[in-house]
């Protein structure tokens, strides 16, 4: 179905990080690039929908259980039922300078 917008619902998009739950890797105000069709794996950074809100966390998979873990220890880790709440995988953190840009992709083995 063509909505006429010229953009696919599954195209990567950018969001600004709000808060300090992902410090020290992602500061408040950082710009992250989210790929809705990115590969989900243990340790990747994800945007997920939990209780009708979107949150940004690191996905941890331990013994077939799924967790959304903040990097900042002041916040709680949430258990989720599976990968269904994951709406996208963070693939990049934008920076003003090339040296400040970071890419997050699973390393091939």
C-alpha atoms as a PDB file:
ATOM      1  CA  UNK A   1       0.000   0.000   0.000  1.00  0.00           C
ATOM      2  CA  UNK A   2       1.458   3.332  -1.038  1.00  0.00           C
ATOM      3  CA  UNK A   3       0.667   6.128   1.385  1.00  0.00           C
ATOM      4  CA  UNK A   4       2.153   8.741  -0.903  1.00  0.00           C
ATOM      5  CA  UNK A   5       4.662   9.882   1.703  1.00  0.00           C
ATOM      6  CA  UNK A   6       7.664   8.545  -0.212  1.00  0.00           C
ATOM      7  CA  UNK A   7       8.987   6.826   2.942  1.00  0.00           C
ATOM      8  CA  UNK A   8       8.634   3.228   3.958  1.00  0.00           C
ATOM      9  CA  UNK A   9       7.469   2.472   7.485  1.00  0.00           C
ATOM     10  CA  UNK A  10      10.535   0.226   7.802  1.00  0.00           C
ATOM     11  CA  UNK A  11      13.216   2.792   6.912  1.00  0.00           C
ATOM     12  CA  UNK A  12      15.878   3.774   9.478  1.00  0.00           C
ATOM     13  CA  UNK A  13      15.156   6.935  11.449  1.00  0.00           C
ATOM     14  CA  UNK A  14      16.846   9.144  14.040  1.00  0.00           C
ATOM     15  CA  UNK A  15      15.837   9.964  17.611  1.00  0.00           C
ATOM     16  CA  UNK A  16      17.351  12.031  20.393  1.00  0.00           C
ATOM     17  CA  UNK A  17      18.260  10.252  23.641  1.00  0.00           C
ATOM     18  CA  UNK A  18      16.391  11.641  26.646  1.00  0.00           C
ATOM     19  CA  UNK A  19      17.721  11.067  30.145  1.00  0.00           C
ATOM     20  CA  UNK A  20      20.720   9.307  31.608  1.00  0.00           C
ATOM     21  CA  UNK A  21      19.648   5.644  31.671  1.00  0.00           C
ATOM     22  CA  UNK A  22      22.168   4.713  28.964  1.00  0.00           C
ATOM     23  CA  UNK A  23      25.199   6.558  30.363  1.00  0.00           C
ATOM     24  CA  UNK A  24      28.118   6.407  29.859  1.00  0.00           C
ATOM     25  CA  UNK A  25      27.774   5.170  26.244  1.00  0.00           C
ATOM     26  CA  UNK A  26      24.843   7.415  25.258  1.00  0.00           C
ATOM     27  CA  UNK A  27      24.563  10.890  26.787  1.00  0.00           C
ATOM     28  CA  UNK A  28      21.353  12.859  27.172  1.00  0.00           C
ATOM     29  CA  UNK A  29      20.776  14.618  23.854  1.00  0.00           C
ATOM     30  CA  UNK A  30      22.767  12.150  21.718  1.00  0.00           C
ATOM     31  CA  UNK A  31      21.272  11.322  18.323  1.00  0.00           C
ATOM     32  CA  UNK A  32      20.822   7.624  17.572  1.00  0.00           C
ATOM     33  CA  UNK A  33      19.902   5.914  14.306  1.00  0.00           C
ATOM     34  CA  UNK A  34      17.333   3.113  14.592  1.00  0.00           C
ATOM     35  CA  UNK A  35      16.822   0.405  11.993  1.00  0.00           C
ATOM     36  CA  UNK A  36      13.355  -1.173  12.367  1.00  0.00           C
ATOM     37  CA  UNK A  37      14.590  -4.207  10.443  1.00  0.00           C
ATOM     38  CA  UNK A  38      17.979  -4.484  12.159  1.00  0.00           C
ATOM     39  CA  UNK A  39      19.247  -7.847  13.361  1.00  0.00           C
ATOM     40  CA  UNK A  40      18.329  -8.492  17.004  1.00  0.00           C
ATOM     41  CA  UNK A  41      20.983 -10.258  19.101  1.00  0.00           C
ATOM     42  CA  UNK A  42      22.196 -10.463  22.685  1.00  0.00           C
ATOM     43  CA  UNK A  43      23.971  -7.239  23.607  1.00  0.00           C
ATOM     44  CA  UNK A  44      22.511  -5.048  20.868  1.00  0.00           C
ATOM     45  CA  UNK A  45      20.959  -1.682  21.704  1.00  0.00           C
ATOM     46  CA  UNK A  46      17.249  -1.528  20.971  1.00  0.00           C
ATOM     47  CA  UNK A  47      14.201   0.678  21.071  1.00  0.00           C
ATOM     48  CA  UNK A  48      11.295  -1.265  22.550  1.00  0.00           C
ATOM     49  CA  UNK A  49       7.670  -0.596  23.389  1.00  0.00           C
ATOM     50  CA  UNK A  50       6.866  -1.435  27.019  1.00  0.00           C
ATOM     51  CA  UNK A  51       3.596  -0.439  28.698  1.00  0.00           C
ATOM     52  CA  UNK A  52       2.705   1.768  25.712  1.00  0.00           C
ATOM     53  CA  UNK A  53       5.949   3.736  26.042  1.00  0.00           C
ATOM     54  CA  UNK A  54       9.122   3.565  23.976  1.00  0.00           C
ATOM     55  CA  UNK A  55      12.379   2.945  25.806  1.00  0.00           C
ATOM     56  CA  UNK A  56      15.995   2.624  24.735  1.00  0.00           C
ATOM     57  CA  UNK A  57      17.993  -0.183  26.371  1.00  0.00           C
ATOM     58  CA  UNK A  58      20.499  -2.941  25.762  1.00  0.00           C
ATOM     59  CA  UNK A  59      18.883  -6.288  24.975  1.00  0.00           C
ATOM     60  CA  UNK A  60      20.224  -9.180  27.033  1.00  0.00           C
ATOM     61  CA  UNK A  61      19.259 -12.785  26.322  1.00  0.00           C
ATOM     62  CA  UNK A  62      20.078 -15.168  29.156  1.00  0.00           C
ATOM     63  CA  UNK A  63      18.868 -18.795  29.260  1.00  0.00           C
ATOM     64  CA  UNK A  64      16.041 -18.062  26.797  1.00  0.00           C
ATOM     65  CA  UNK A  65      14.831 -15.073  28.839  1.00  0.00           C
ATOM     66  CA  UNK A  66      14.844 -11.535  27.437  1.00  0.00           C
ATOM     67  CA  UNK A  67      15.804  -8.406  29.356  1.00  0.00           C
ATOM     68  CA  UNK A  68      16.005  -4.690  28.612  1.00  0.00           C
ATOM     69  CA  UNK A  69      19.014  -3.509  30.579  1.00  0.00           C
ATOM     70  CA  UNK A  70      20.036   0.113  31.146  1.00  0.00           C
ATOM     71  CA  UNK A  71      23.747   0.923  31.197  1.00  0.00           C
ATOM     72  CA  UNK A  72      23.262   3.205  34.204  1.00  0.00           C
ATOM     73  CA  UNK A  73      22.944   1.090  37.376  1.00  0.00           C
ATOM     74  CA  UNK A  74      20.486   3.594  38.871  1.00  0.00           C
ATOM     75  CA  UNK A  75      17.756   2.141  36.617  1.00  0.00           C
ATOM     76  CA  UNK A  76      16.044  -1.250  36.748  1.00  0.00           C
ATOM     77  CA  UNK A  77      16.388  -4.037  34.206  1.00  0.00           C
ATOM     78  CA  UNK A  78      13.039  -5.121  32.743  1.00  0.00           C
ATOM     79  CA  UNK A  79      12.180  -8.663  31.710  1.00  0.00           C
ATOM     80  CA  UNK A  80      10.178  -8.956  28.482  1.00  0.00           C
ATOM     81  CA  UNK A  81       8.405 -11.970  26.986  1.00  0.00           C
ATOM     82  CA  UNK A  82      10.499 -12.133  23.815  1.00  0.00           C
ATOM     83  CA  UNK A  83      11.671  -9.892  20.990  1.00  0.00           C
ATOM     84  CA  UNK A  84       8.156  -8.764  20.019  1.00  0.00           C
ATOM     85  CA  UNK A  85       8.419  -5.470  21.986  1.00  0.00           C
ATOM     86  CA  UNK A  86      11.612  -4.573  20.073  1.00  0.00           C
ATOM     87  CA  UNK A  87      10.743  -1.914  17.496  1.00  0.00           C
ATOM     88  CA  UNK A  88      14.236  -1.354  16.133  1.00  0.00           C
ATOM     89  CA  UNK A  89      17.961  -1.819  16.625  1.00  0.00           C
ATOM     90  CA  UNK A  90      20.323   1.089  17.193  1.00  0.00           C
ATOM     91  CA  UNK A  91      22.898   1.007  14.400  1.00  0.00           C
ATOM     92  CA  UNK A  92      24.683   4.318  14.883  1.00  0.00           C
ATOM     93  CA  UNK A  93      25.272   7.204  17.267  1.00  0.00           C
ATOM     94  CA  UNK A  94      25.653  10.429  15.360  1.00  0.00           C
ATOM     95  CA  UNK A  95      28.377  12.901  16.173  1.00  0.00           C
ATOM     96  CA  UNK A  96      29.309  16.355  14.973  1.00  0.00           C
ATOM     97  CA  UNK A  97      32.719  15.085  13.978  1.00  0.00           C
ATOM     98  CA  UNK A  98      33.475  11.884  12.137  1.00  0.00           C
ATOM     99  CA  UNK A  99      35.629  10.654  15.044  1.00  0.00           C
ATOM    100  CA  UNK A 100      32.640  11.031  17.385  1.00  0.00           C
ATOM    101  CA  UNK A 101      30.359   8.775  15.313  1.00  0.00           C
ATOM    102  CA  UNK A 102      29.926   5.194  16.452  1.00  0.00           C
ATOM    103  CA  UNK A 103      28.443   2.225  14.635  1.00  0.00           C
ATOM    104  CA  UNK A 104      26.795  -0.684  16.418  1.00  0.00           C
ATOM    105  CA  UNK A 105      26.639  -3.840  14.370  1.00  0.00           C
ATOM    106  CA  UNK A 106      27.051  -7.452  15.295  1.00  0.00           C
ATOM    107  CA  UNK A 107      30.511  -8.651  14.510  1.00  0.00           C
ATOM    108  CA  UNK A 108      30.477 -11.617  12.175  1.00  0.00           C
ATOM    109  CA  UNK A 109      32.144 -14.705  13.489  1.00  0.00           C
END
